[in-house]
C-alpha cells in the first residue's frame, strides 16, 4: 500500500497539536516532568508519529522556543510599524516583548531555562531554525537602530556595533521582566510596581545613556496609541486574562 500523503498544513497542524499538549504538561507539572513517554500518552497520535515530528524532549523544548519566537517577531514588526521616531519604535518593540511574555509566561521561563545541552540534543533542523529566528529578531532590532543613526537621533559609540546596542537593550528588557514578573516560578523583590512603567523607565535610562536623542512628542500618548491600535488584540486578550497593563502591579 502506498504511503498516505499528508499536506504541509496537516503536518503543521499535527505538530502544533503535539506542542500544545507539551505546553499543557509543562504548565501543569513543570519543565522537568515533561518526558516523551508522558507526551505520547497525552496525545492522540502514535509513538512513531510523535517521533517523526520530534526526536527528543529537548527537540520539543526548542520547537516551543521557536514557535514563541515567531510570535514575538510578528509582534515586534507590528509594534514598530507606527509612524514615529526611532526612539519610540524601540519603546514599542520593548512593549511588544513585555506583552508577549505576559500572554505566555511559561514560554519566557522556557527560553530562560533552555540551555546549550537542549540545542545539542535537538534535531539539526530545529536548532538551525532557532539560529535563523535569532538572526531575524536581531536584524529587525538592528533596523530600528540603523534608522535612529540615519535620522541623527543616535551616534553609535566608538567601537560599538549595532549588534552590541541591540543586545544591551534586549538584555535589560529580559532582565527587568525576569526580576519583576510575579509568577509561580519567579520571585518579585518589590510589591506594588507597575511592570509597564518599570520597563519603559529602564529602556529610557539605557537610551539616555547611549545619548539617543529625546523627542518633544508625548511618550505616554504614543504608548496609549500603540496599545489601542496595532497591539489592541493582544491587550484585549490580556484583559480577558485579568491583566490590565495600565494598573497591574507585580
C-alpha atoms as a PDB file:
ATOM      1  CA  UNK A   1       0.000   0.000   0.000  1.00  0.00           C
ATOM      2  CA  UNK A   2       1.350   3.406  -0.964  1.00  0.00           C
ATOM      3  CA  UNK A   3       2.030   5.770   1.956  1.00  0.00           C
ATOM      4  CA  UNK A   4      -0.713   8.286   2.656  1.00  0.00           C
ATOM      5  CA  UNK A   5       0.223  11.781   1.563  1.00  0.00           C
ATOM      6  CA  UNK A   6      -0.228  14.482   4.160  1.00  0.00           C
ATOM      7  CA  UNK A   7      -0.282  18.142   3.203  1.00  0.00           C
ATOM      8  CA  UNK A   8       2.088  20.649   4.734  1.00  0.00           C
ATOM      9  CA  UNK A   9      -0.873  22.244   6.512  1.00  0.00           C
ATOM     10  CA  UNK A  10      -1.905  18.906   8.049  1.00  0.00           C
ATOM     11  CA  UNK A  11       1.632  18.219   9.263  1.00  0.00           C
ATOM     12  CA  UNK A  12       1.912  21.696  10.789  1.00  0.00           C
ATOM     13  CA  UNK A  13      -1.456  21.291  12.487  1.00  0.00           C
ATOM     14  CA  UNK A  14      -0.408  17.927  13.906  1.00  0.00           C
ATOM     15  CA  UNK A  15       2.880  19.370  15.139  1.00  0.00           C
ATOM     16  CA  UNK A  16       1.114  22.271  16.822  1.00  0.00           C
ATOM     17  CA  UNK A  17      -1.305  19.844  18.498  1.00  0.00           C
ATOM     18  CA  UNK A  18       1.640  17.945  19.981  1.00  0.00           C
ATOM     19  CA  UNK A  19       3.329  21.184  21.078  1.00  0.00           C
ATOM     20  CA  UNK A  20       0.104  22.412  22.667  1.00  0.00           C
ATOM     21  CA  UNK A  21      -0.089  19.245  24.741  1.00  0.00           C
ATOM     22  CA  UNK A  22       3.580  19.541  25.714  1.00  0.00           C
ATOM     23  CA  UNK A  23       2.924  23.105  26.812  1.00  0.00           C
ATOM     24  CA  UNK A  24      -0.055  21.946  28.879  1.00  0.00           C
ATOM     25  CA  UNK A  25       2.098  19.354  30.673  1.00  0.00           C
ATOM     26  CA  UNK A  26       4.764  21.970  31.379  1.00  0.00           C
ATOM     27  CA  UNK A  27       2.133  24.402  32.687  1.00  0.00           C
ATOM     28  CA  UNK A  28       0.586  21.826  34.999  1.00  0.00           C
ATOM     29  CA  UNK A  29       3.655  19.922  36.183  1.00  0.00           C
ATOM     30  CA  UNK A  30       6.774  21.950  35.320  1.00  0.00           C
ATOM     31  CA  UNK A  31       9.574  21.517  32.810  1.00  0.00           C
ATOM     32  CA  UNK A  32      11.391  18.592  34.493  1.00  0.00           C
ATOM     33  CA  UNK A  33       8.225  16.476  34.328  1.00  0.00           C
ATOM     34  CA  UNK A  34       7.924  16.552  30.546  1.00  0.00           C
ATOM     35  CA  UNK A  35       9.062  13.262  29.020  1.00  0.00           C
ATOM     36  CA  UNK A  36       8.455  11.808  25.597  1.00  0.00           C
ATOM     37  CA  UNK A  37       6.527   8.889  27.121  1.00  0.00           C
ATOM     38  CA  UNK A  38       4.254  11.253  29.045  1.00  0.00           C
ATOM     39  CA  UNK A  39       3.707  13.367  25.933  1.00  0.00           C
ATOM     40  CA  UNK A  40       2.901  10.311  23.808  1.00  0.00           C
ATOM     41  CA  UNK A  41       0.402   9.196  26.441  1.00  0.00           C
ATOM     42  CA  UNK A  42      -1.414  12.527  26.276  1.00  0.00           C
ATOM     43  CA  UNK A  43      -1.794  12.945  22.514  1.00  0.00           C
ATOM     44  CA  UNK A  44      -3.984  11.097  20.033  1.00  0.00           C
ATOM     45  CA  UNK A  45      -1.060  10.196  17.787  1.00  0.00           C
ATOM     46  CA  UNK A  46       1.080   7.072  17.793  1.00  0.00           C
ATOM     47  CA  UNK A  47       4.576   6.907  19.251  1.00  0.00           C
ATOM     48  CA  UNK A  48       6.015   6.683  15.753  1.00  0.00           C
ATOM     49  CA  UNK A  49       4.109   9.768  14.632  1.00  0.00           C
ATOM     50  CA  UNK A  50       5.326  11.830  17.596  1.00  0.00           C
ATOM     51  CA  UNK A  51       8.922  10.771  16.972  1.00  0.00           C
ATOM     52  CA  UNK A  52       8.537  11.616  13.297  1.00  0.00           C
ATOM     53  CA  UNK A  53       7.968  15.197  14.428  1.00  0.00           C
ATOM     54  CA  UNK A  54      10.264  15.402  17.463  1.00  0.00           C
ATOM     55  CA  UNK A  55      13.443  13.436  18.137  1.00  0.00           C
ATOM     56  CA  UNK A  56      13.563  14.074  21.896  1.00  0.00           C
ATOM     57  CA  UNK A  57      12.097  16.173  24.687  1.00  0.00           C
ATOM     58  CA  UNK A  58      14.891  18.687  24.030  1.00  0.00           C
ATOM     59  CA  UNK A  59      13.671  18.885  20.447  1.00  0.00           C
ATOM     60  CA  UNK A  60      10.217  19.696  21.840  1.00  0.00           C
ATOM     61  CA  UNK A  61      11.704  22.415  24.075  1.00  0.00           C
ATOM     62  CA  UNK A  62      13.484  24.048  21.138  1.00  0.00           C
ATOM     63  CA  UNK A  63      10.355  23.764  18.970  1.00  0.00           C
ATOM     64  CA  UNK A  64       8.345  25.557  21.670  1.00  0.00           C
ATOM     65  CA  UNK A  65      11.023  28.264  21.854  1.00  0.00           C
ATOM     66  CA  UNK A  66      10.942  28.656  18.072  1.00  0.00           C
ATOM     67  CA  UNK A  67       7.164  28.892  17.949  1.00  0.00           C
ATOM     68  CA  UNK A  68       7.208  31.537  20.654  1.00  0.00           C
ATOM     69  CA  UNK A  69       9.982  33.449  18.897  1.00  0.00           C
ATOM     70  CA  UNK A  70       7.957  33.571  15.665  1.00  0.00           C
ATOM     71  CA  UNK A  71       5.114  35.202  17.581  1.00  0.00           C
ATOM     72  CA  UNK A  72       7.499  37.696  19.182  1.00  0.00           C
ATOM     73  CA  UNK A  73       8.967  38.640  15.793  1.00  0.00           C
ATOM     74  CA  UNK A  74       5.494  39.184  14.342  1.00  0.00           C
ATOM     75  CA  UNK A  75       4.531  41.394  17.295  1.00  0.00           C
ATOM     76  CA  UNK A  76       7.844  43.262  17.093  1.00  0.00           C
ATOM     77  CA  UNK A  77       7.242  44.081  13.429  1.00  0.00           C
ATOM     78  CA  UNK A  78       3.676  45.203  14.158  1.00  0.00           C
ATOM     79  CA  UNK A  79       4.772  47.337  17.084  1.00  0.00           C
ATOM     80  CA  UNK A  80       7.400  49.175  15.058  1.00  0.00           C
ATOM     81  CA  UNK A  81       5.018  49.853  12.158  1.00  0.00           C
ATOM     82  CA  UNK A  82       3.549  53.027  13.665  1.00  0.00           C
ATOM     83  CA  UNK A  83       4.799  56.258  12.119  1.00  0.00           C
ATOM     84  CA  UNK A  84       7.129  57.643  14.775  1.00  0.00           C
ATOM     85  CA  UNK A  85      10.734  58.424  15.603  1.00  0.00           C
ATOM     86  CA  UNK A  86      13.124  55.510  16.007  1.00  0.00           C
ATOM     87  CA  UNK A  87      13.299  56.027  19.782  1.00  0.00           C
ATOM     88  CA  UNK A  88       9.566  55.437  20.093  1.00  0.00           C
ATOM     89  CA  UNK A  89       9.825  52.445  17.757  1.00  0.00           C
ATOM     90  CA  UNK A  90      12.333  50.872  20.127  1.00  0.00           C
ATOM     91  CA  UNK A  91       9.992  51.535  23.045  1.00  0.00           C
ATOM     92  CA  UNK A  92       7.235  49.886  21.001  1.00  0.00           C
ATOM     93  CA  UNK A  93       9.392  46.842  20.378  1.00  0.00           C
ATOM     94  CA  UNK A  94      10.115  46.504  24.096  1.00  0.00           C
ATOM     95  CA  UNK A  95       6.420  46.858  24.924  1.00  0.00           C
ATOM     96  CA  UNK A  96       5.581  44.137  22.418  1.00  0.00           C
ATOM     97  CA  UNK A  97       8.100  41.851  24.123  1.00  0.00           C
ATOM     98  CA  UNK A  98       6.537  42.534  27.520  1.00  0.00           C
ATOM     99  CA  UNK A  99       3.051  41.807  26.196  1.00  0.00           C
ATOM    100  CA  UNK A 100       4.194  38.582  24.538  1.00  0.00           C
ATOM    101  CA  UNK A 101       5.685  37.418  27.845  1.00  0.00           C
ATOM    102  CA  UNK A 102       2.523  38.229  29.782  1.00  0.00           C
ATOM    103  CA  UNK A 103       0.480  36.302  27.216  1.00  0.00           C
ATOM    104  CA  UNK A 104       2.686  33.216  27.631  1.00  0.00           C
ATOM    105  CA  UNK A 105       4.789  33.468  30.818  1.00  0.00           C
ATOM    106  CA  UNK A 106       5.733  29.785  30.660  1.00  0.00           C
ATOM    107  CA  UNK A 107       7.453  30.432  27.343  1.00  0.00           C
ATOM    108  CA  UNK A 108       9.553  33.125  28.997  1.00  0.00           C
ATOM    109  CA  UNK A 109      10.691  30.633  31.615  1.00  0.00           C
ATOM    110  CA  UNK A 110      11.286  28.025  28.913  1.00  0.00           C
ATOM    111  CA  UNK A 111      13.523  30.399  26.972  1.00  0.00           C
ATOM    112  CA  UNK A 112      15.421  31.213  30.149  1.00  0.00           C
ATOM    113  CA  UNK A 113      15.888  27.553  31.071  1.00  0.00           C
ATOM    114  CA  UNK A 114      16.696  26.077  27.667  1.00  0.00           C
ATOM    115  CA  UNK A 115      20.462  25.626  27.624  1.00  0.00           C
ATOM    116  CA  UNK A 116      23.203  24.546  25.243  1.00  0.00           C
ATOM    117  CA  UNK A 117      22.575  20.887  26.060  1.00  0.00           C
ATOM    118  CA  UNK A 118      18.991  21.225  24.817  1.00  0.00           C
ATOM    119  CA  UNK A 119      20.207  22.515  21.463  1.00  0.00           C
ATOM    120  CA  UNK A 120      22.858  19.793  21.277  1.00  0.00           C
ATOM    121  CA  UNK A 121      20.173  17.129  21.725  1.00  0.00           C
ATOM    122  CA  UNK A 122      17.619  18.782  19.434  1.00  0.00           C
ATOM    123  CA  UNK A 123      17.359  17.919  15.761  1.00  0.00           C
ATOM    124  CA  UNK A 124      19.729  19.778  13.462  1.00  0.00           C
ATOM    125  CA  UNK A 125      16.855  21.339  11.515  1.00  0.00           C
ATOM    126  CA  UNK A 126      15.213  22.637  14.697  1.00  0.00           C
ATOM    127  CA  UNK A 127      18.476  24.044  16.060  1.00  0.00           C
ATOM    128  CA  UNK A 128      19.220  25.701  12.715  1.00  0.00           C
ATOM    129  CA  UNK A 129      15.741  27.211  12.655  1.00  0.00           C
ATOM    130  CA  UNK A 130      16.403  28.696  16.092  1.00  0.00           C
ATOM    131  CA  UNK A 131      19.597  30.327  14.841  1.00  0.00           C
ATOM    132  CA  UNK A 132      17.741  31.772  11.844  1.00  0.00           C
ATOM    133  CA  UNK A 133      14.961  33.140  14.048  1.00  0.00           C
ATOM    134  CA  UNK A 134      17.510  34.715  16.386  1.00  0.00           C
ATOM    135  CA  UNK A 135      19.129  36.354  13.367  1.00  0.00           C
ATOM    136  CA  UNK A 136      15.746  37.662  12.187  1.00  0.00           C
ATOM    137  CA  UNK A 137      14.966  39.121  15.606  1.00  0.00           C
ATOM    138  CA  UNK A 138      18.414  40.690  15.842  1.00  0.00           C
ATOM    139  CA  UNK A 139      18.240  42.151  12.332  1.00  0.00           C
ATOM    140  CA  UNK A 140      14.775  43.561  12.995  1.00  0.00           C
ATOM    141  CA  UNK A 141      16.029  45.263  16.155  1.00  0.00           C
ATOM    142  CA  UNK A 142      19.126  46.475  14.333  1.00  0.00           C
ATOM    143  CA  UNK A 143      16.956  48.081  11.660  1.00  0.00           C
ATOM    144  CA  UNK A 144      15.415  50.395  14.277  1.00  0.00           C
ATOM    145  CA  UNK A 145      18.876  51.380  15.489  1.00  0.00           C
ATOM    146  CA  UNK A 146      20.023  51.928  11.898  1.00  0.00           C
ATOM    147  CA  UNK A 147      17.028  54.220  11.392  1.00  0.00           C
ATOM    148  CA  UNK A 148      17.994  56.182  14.504  1.00  0.00           C
ATOM    149  CA  UNK A 149      21.532  56.611  13.173  1.00  0.00           C
ATOM    150  CA  UNK A 150      20.284  57.625   9.727  1.00  0.00           C
ATOM    151  CA  UNK A 151      17.927  60.211  11.285  1.00  0.00           C
ATOM    152  CA  UNK A 152      20.695  61.608  13.509  1.00  0.00           C
ATOM    153  CA  UNK A 153      18.852  60.517  16.625  1.00  0.00           C
ATOM    154  CA  UNK A 154      21.771  58.349  17.661  1.00  0.00           C
ATOM    155  CA  UNK A 155      25.504  58.199  17.087  1.00  0.00           C
ATOM    156  CA  UNK A 156      26.967  54.762  17.697  1.00  0.00           C
ATOM    157  CA  UNK A 157      29.546  54.889  20.496  1.00  0.00           C
ATOM    158  CA  UNK A 158      33.054  54.444  19.175  1.00  0.00           C
ATOM    159  CA  UNK A 159      33.931  50.803  18.702  1.00  0.00           C
ATOM    160  CA  UNK A 160      30.348  49.614  19.273  1.00  0.00           C
ATOM    161  CA  UNK A 161      28.308  47.718  16.695  1.00  0.00           C
ATOM    162  CA  UNK A 162      24.575  47.545  16.019  1.00  0.00           C
ATOM    163  CA  UNK A 163      24.564  44.030  17.482  1.00  0.00           C
ATOM    164  CA  UNK A 164      26.090  45.261  20.750  1.00  0.00           C
ATOM    165  CA  UNK A 165      23.489  48.015  21.106  1.00  0.00           C
ATOM    166  CA  UNK A 166      20.676  45.563  20.328  1.00  0.00           C
ATOM    167  CA  UNK A 167      21.996  43.078  22.867  1.00  0.00           C
ATOM    168  CA  UNK A 168      22.325  45.782  25.517  1.00  0.00           C
ATOM    169  CA  UNK A 169      18.673  46.774  25.163  1.00  0.00           C
ATOM    170  CA  UNK A 170      17.440  43.178  24.916  1.00  0.00           C
ATOM    171  CA  UNK A 171      19.409  42.118  28.000  1.00  0.00           C
ATOM    172  CA  UNK A 172      17.915  44.961  30.005  1.00  0.00           C
ATOM    173  CA  UNK A 173      14.367  44.097  28.889  1.00  0.00           C
ATOM    174  CA  UNK A 174      14.825  40.385  29.569  1.00  0.00           C
ATOM    175  CA  UNK A 175      16.380  41.062  32.966  1.00  0.00           C
ATOM    176  CA  UNK A 176      13.749  43.585  34.036  1.00  0.00           C
ATOM    177  CA  UNK A 177      10.917  41.211  33.212  1.00  0.00           C
ATOM    178  CA  UNK A 178      12.685  38.313  34.908  1.00  0.00           C
ATOM    179  CA  UNK A 179      13.222  40.315  38.094  1.00  0.00           C
ATOM    180  CA  UNK A 180       9.783  41.810  38.462  1.00  0.00           C
ATOM    181  CA  UNK A 181       7.325  39.437  36.825  1.00  0.00           C
ATOM    182  CA  UNK A 182       5.384  37.738  39.609  1.00  0.00           C
ATOM    183  CA  UNK A 183       4.639  34.179  38.608  1.00  0.00           C
ATOM    184  CA  UNK A 184       4.809  30.804  40.320  1.00  0.00           C
ATOM    185  CA  UNK A 185       8.391  30.242  39.197  1.00  0.00           C
ATOM    186  CA  UNK A 186       9.658  33.774  39.824  1.00  0.00           C
ATOM    187  CA  UNK A 187      10.099  35.925  42.896  1.00  0.00           C
ATOM    188  CA  UNK A 188       9.161  39.587  42.939  1.00  0.00           C
ATOM    189  CA  UNK A 189      11.508  41.560  45.230  1.00  0.00           C
ATOM    190  CA  UNK A 190       9.156  44.527  45.459  1.00  0.00           C
ATOM    191  CA  UNK A 191       5.388  44.816  45.525  1.00  0.00           C
ATOM    192  CA  UNK A 192       3.096  47.484  44.132  1.00  0.00           C
ATOM    193  CA  UNK A 193       5.143  48.162  40.999  1.00  0.00           C
ATOM    194  CA  UNK A 194       3.598  48.512  37.569  1.00  0.00           C
ATOM    195  CA  UNK A 195       5.726  46.404  35.240  1.00  0.00           C
ATOM    196  CA  UNK A 196       4.983  48.532  32.184  1.00  0.00           C
ATOM    197  CA  UNK A 197       6.281  51.621  33.963  1.00  0.00           C
ATOM    198  CA  UNK A 198       9.382  49.797  35.176  1.00  0.00           C
ATOM    199  CA  UNK A 199      10.193  48.537  31.707  1.00  0.00           C
ATOM    200  CA  UNK A 200       9.706  51.865  29.923  1.00  0.00           C
ATOM    201  CA  UNK A 201      11.742  53.642  32.589  1.00  0.00           C
ATOM    202  CA  UNK A 202      14.616  51.190  32.210  1.00  0.00           C
ATOM    203  CA  UNK A 203      14.572  51.391  28.405  1.00  0.00           C
ATOM    204  CA  UNK A 204      14.677  55.177  28.577  1.00  0.00           C
ATOM    205  CA  UNK A 205      17.602  55.085  31.018  1.00  0.00           C
ATOM    206  CA  UNK A 206      19.559  52.842  28.633  1.00  0.00           C
ATOM    207  CA  UNK A 207      18.757  55.029  25.618  1.00  0.00           C
ATOM    208  CA  UNK A 208      19.672  58.175  27.540  1.00  0.00           C
ATOM    209  CA  UNK A 209      22.972  56.531  28.412  1.00  0.00           C
ATOM    210  CA  UNK A 210      23.556  55.941  24.699  1.00  0.00           C
ATOM    211  CA  UNK A 211      22.733  59.624  24.121  1.00  0.00           C
ATOM    212  CA  UNK A 212      19.791  58.619  21.958  1.00  0.00           C
ATOM    213  CA  UNK A 213      18.050  61.937  21.375  1.00  0.00           C
ATOM    214  CA  UNK A 214      14.796  62.684  23.132  1.00  0.00           C
ATOM    215  CA  UNK A 215      11.731  63.851  21.241  1.00  0.00           C
ATOM    216  CA  UNK A 216       9.196  66.556  22.008  1.00  0.00           C
ATOM    217  CA  UNK A 217       6.353  64.118  21.294  1.00  0.00           C
ATOM    218  CA  UNK A 218       4.319  62.755  24.205  1.00  0.00           C
ATOM    219  CA  UNK A 219       5.626  59.282  25.042  1.00  0.00           C
ATOM    220  CA  UNK A 220       2.648  58.379  27.209  1.00  0.00           C
ATOM    221  CA  UNK A 221       0.220  59.294  24.423  1.00  0.00           C
ATOM    222  CA  UNK A 222       2.233  57.245  21.933  1.00  0.00           C
ATOM    223  CA  UNK A 223       2.225  54.133  24.149  1.00  0.00           C
ATOM    224  CA  UNK A 224      -1.526  54.546  24.623  1.00  0.00           C
ATOM    225  CA  UNK A 225      -1.980  54.740  20.841  1.00  0.00           C
ATOM    226  CA  UNK A 226       0.203  51.660  20.397  1.00  0.00           C
ATOM    227  CA  UNK A 227      -1.957  49.626  22.773  1.00  0.00           C
ATOM    228  CA  UNK A 228      -5.181  50.879  21.205  1.00  0.00           C
ATOM    229  CA  UNK A 229      -4.188  50.180  17.594  1.00  0.00           C
ATOM    230  CA  UNK A 230      -1.592  47.683  16.403  1.00  0.00           C
ATOM    231  CA  UNK A 231      -1.428  45.759  19.711  1.00  0.00           C
ATOM    232  CA  UNK A 232      -5.120  46.116  20.558  1.00  0.00           C
ATOM    233  CA  UNK A 233      -5.926  42.411  20.098  1.00  0.00           C
ATOM    234  CA  UNK A 234      -3.104  41.320  22.382  1.00  0.00           C
ATOM    235  CA  UNK A 235      -4.019  43.908  25.035  1.00  0.00           C
ATOM    236  CA  UNK A 236      -7.649  42.737  24.887  1.00  0.00           C
ATOM    237  CA  UNK A 237      -6.521  39.135  25.389  1.00  0.00           C
ATOM    238  CA  UNK A 238      -4.555  40.184  28.470  1.00  0.00           C
ATOM    239  CA  UNK A 239      -7.601  41.957  29.894  1.00  0.00           C
ATOM    240  CA  UNK A 240      -9.656  38.786  29.430  1.00  0.00           C
ATOM    241  CA  UNK A 241      -6.970  37.055  31.493  1.00  0.00           C
ATOM    242  CA  UNK A 242      -7.345  39.690  34.219  1.00  0.00           C
ATOM    243  CA  UNK A 243      -4.216  41.696  33.352  1.00  0.00           C
ATOM    244  CA  UNK A 244      -4.563  45.435  32.747  1.00  0.00           C
ATOM    245  CA  UNK A 245      -1.213  46.896  31.714  1.00  0.00           C
ATOM    246  CA  UNK A 246      -2.184  50.371  32.930  1.00  0.00           C
ATOM    247  CA  UNK A 247      -2.756  49.319  36.516  1.00  0.00           C
ATOM    248  CA  UNK A 248      -1.479  45.770  37.078  1.00  0.00           C
ATOM    249  CA  UNK A 249       1.097  45.607  39.855  1.00  0.00           C
ATOM    250  CA  UNK A 250       3.630  42.884  40.397  1.00  0.00           C
END
